Amino acid sequence: MSAPGPVTRPGSVTFVVVLTWLVAIASVVGGVLMLLATDEVLADAGIGASEAPVYAWVEIALGLVVALVAVGLGNGNRFSRFLVTLLMALRVVLSLWVVIVWGEYAGFWSALLSGLFALLIIVMLWNARANAFFRAT
């Protein structure tokens, strides 16, 4: 009998990796843009000029952490999978809370879609092929 070959990364996991990279890139770019923004632009956004660098560097740091998680997911790292699952579960709960408590005022559709999207990501990370991939790595 021959040993089974390496398990290739399923498309569902690859899709989540791509989404995670997009979030990482957007965070870093957003932080850099905040560092470069004029005081007028910051004031229009409701951010004080003295606060902006702190927010910007935190956003850049979070983007770098998310990039590390994306790399981990791509390599089949179970801790990265756990982190994304935990964050998406939190997103589902918070979205449900917004739909129930604040739904009639504002953000109903945004919260509902956000929650459904987070649930989809959880399903993509925990389907049978994804389980085999993370188990094999």
Protein backbone atom coordinates (compact mmCIF):
# COMPACT_ATOMS: atom_id res chain seq x y z
CA MET A 1 0.00 0.00 0.00
CA SER A 2 1.18 3.47 -0.77
CA ALA A 3 0.87 6.36 1.63
CA PRO A 4 -1.72 8.94 0.71
CA GLY A 5 -0.35 12.01 -1.05
CA PRO A 6 -0.36 15.46 0.44
CA VAL A 7 -3.76 17.02 0.90
CA THR A 8 -4.18 20.03 -1.35
CA ARG A 9 -5.74 23.16 0.05
CA PRO A 10 -9.45 23.20 -0.79
CA GLY A 11 -10.97 26.12 -2.69
CA SER A 12 -13.05 27.14 0.32
CA VAL A 13 -9.93 27.64 2.43
CA THR A 14 -8.17 29.44 -0.42
CA PHE A 15 -11.15 31.80 -0.68
CA VAL A 16 -10.92 32.59 3.04
CA VAL A 17 -7.15 33.12 2.69
CA VAL A 18 -7.74 35.61 -0.13
CA LEU A 19 -10.37 37.45 1.91
CA THR A 20 -8.02 37.56 4.88
CA TRP A 21 -5.25 39.02 2.71
CA LEU A 22 -7.66 41.65 1.40
CA VAL A 23 -8.53 42.69 4.96
CA ALA A 24 -4.83 42.84 5.86
CA ILE A 25 -3.99 44.98 2.84
CA ALA A 26 -6.96 47.29 3.42
CA SER A 27 -5.93 47.78 7.04
CA VAL A 28 -2.34 48.67 6.19
CA VAL A 29 -3.38 50.97 3.34
CA GLY A 30 -6.01 52.62 5.55
CA GLY A 31 -3.44 53.23 8.26
CA VAL A 32 -0.94 54.71 5.82
CA LEU A 33 -3.61 56.94 4.31
CA MET A 34 -4.55 58.14 7.77
CA LEU A 35 -0.90 59.03 8.42
CA LEU A 36 -0.84 61.02 5.16
CA ALA A 37 -4.23 62.69 5.59
CA THR A 38 -4.51 66.42 6.08
CA ASP A 39 -6.00 67.87 9.24
CA GLU A 40 -9.05 68.93 7.24
CA VAL A 41 -9.71 65.41 5.99
CA LEU A 42 -9.23 64.02 9.50
CA ALA A 43 -11.62 66.62 10.93
CA ASP A 44 -14.23 65.68 8.31
CA ALA A 45 -13.89 62.08 9.49
CA GLY A 46 -14.26 63.14 13.12
CA ILE A 47 -10.66 62.30 14.03
CA GLY A 48 -8.42 64.75 15.83
CA ALA A 49 -5.00 65.42 14.34
CA SER A 50 -3.32 64.33 17.57
CA GLU A 51 -5.26 61.03 17.66
CA ALA A 52 -4.75 60.10 14.02
CA PRO A 53 -1.19 58.75 14.28
CA VAL A 54 -2.19 56.42 17.12
CA TYR A 55 -5.20 55.12 15.18
CA ALA A 56 -3.08 54.81 12.04
CA TRP A 57 -0.31 52.79 13.66
CA VAL A 58 -2.82 50.53 15.44
CA GLU A 59 -4.54 49.92 12.08
CA ILE A 60 -1.20 49.14 10.42
CA ALA A 61 -0.23 46.77 13.26
CA LEU A 62 -3.59 44.99 13.05
CA GLY A 63 -3.15 44.67 9.30
CA LEU A 64 0.23 43.01 9.81
CA VAL A 65 -1.25 40.59 12.36
CA VAL A 66 -4.06 39.73 9.93
CA ALA A 67 -1.43 39.12 7.23
CA LEU A 68 0.30 36.63 9.53
CA VAL A 69 -3.04 34.90 10.09
CA ALA A 70 -3.55 34.75 6.31
CA VAL A 71 -0.16 33.09 5.89
CA GLY A 72 -1.01 30.66 8.67
CA LEU A 73 -4.35 29.76 7.09
CA GLY A 74 -2.68 29.19 3.76
CA ASN A 75 -0.19 26.83 5.39
CA GLY A 76 -2.88 24.92 7.27
CA ASN A 77 -2.12 26.37 10.68
CA ARG A 78 -4.83 25.28 13.11
CA PHE A 79 -4.35 28.26 15.42
CA SER A 80 -4.99 30.65 12.51
CA ARG A 81 -8.13 28.67 11.70
CA PHE A 82 -9.21 28.95 15.33
CA LEU A 83 -8.61 32.72 15.40
CA VAL A 84 -10.61 33.34 12.22
CA THR A 85 -13.40 31.06 13.45
CA LEU A 86 -13.52 32.83 16.82
CA LEU A 87 -13.63 36.27 15.22
CA MET A 88 -16.31 35.22 12.73
CA ALA A 89 -18.41 33.66 15.51
CA LEU A 90 -18.14 36.95 17.41
CA ARG A 91 -19.19 38.77 14.22
CA VAL A 92 -22.25 36.49 13.91
CA VAL A 93 -23.28 37.14 17.52
CA LEU A 94 -22.77 40.90 17.25
CA SER A 95 -24.61 41.04 13.93
CA LEU A 96 -27.52 39.13 15.42
CA TRP A 97 -27.56 41.54 18.35
CA VAL A 98 -27.67 44.54 15.99
CA VAL A 99 -30.47 42.95 13.96
CA ILE A 100 -32.53 42.26 17.08
CA VAL A 101 -31.85 45.41 19.11
CA TRP A 102 -31.14 48.10 16.50
CA GLY A 103 -32.63 46.58 13.38
CA GLU A 104 -35.60 48.89 13.10
CA TYR A 105 -33.44 52.00 13.33
CA ALA A 106 -30.43 51.50 11.12
CA GLY A 107 -28.03 48.91 9.91
CA PHE A 108 -30.45 45.98 9.68
CA TRP A 109 -29.38 44.83 6.20
CA SER A 110 -25.73 45.62 6.79
CA ALA A 111 -25.70 43.64 10.03
CA LEU A 112 -27.66 40.76 8.52
CA LEU A 113 -25.34 40.46 5.52
CA SER A 114 -22.27 40.79 7.71
CA GLY A 115 -23.49 38.00 9.97
CA LEU A 116 -24.37 35.73 7.05
CA PHE A 117 -20.99 36.37 5.44
CA ALA A 118 -19.21 35.51 8.71
CA LEU A 119 -21.26 32.32 8.96
CA LEU A 120 -20.29 31.42 5.39
CA ILE A 121 -16.61 31.84 6.28
CA ILE A 122 -17.02 29.51 9.26
CA VAL A 123 -18.68 26.90 7.04
CA MET A 124 -15.88 27.22 4.46
CA LEU A 125 -13.24 26.68 7.15
CA TRP A 126 -14.98 23.69 8.72
CA ASN A 127 -16.32 21.64 5.80
CA ALA A 128 -15.08 18.08 5.22
CA ARG A 129 -12.31 19.03 2.77
CA ALA A 130 -11.10 21.86 5.01
CA ASN A 131 -11.06 19.49 7.98
CA ALA A 132 -8.91 17.02 6.01
CA PHE A 133 -6.54 19.81 4.97
CA PHE A 134 -6.03 21.16 8.49
CA ARG A 135 -5.74 17.65 9.92
CA ALA A 136 -3.05 16.70 7.39
CA THR A 137 -0.85 19.74 7.96
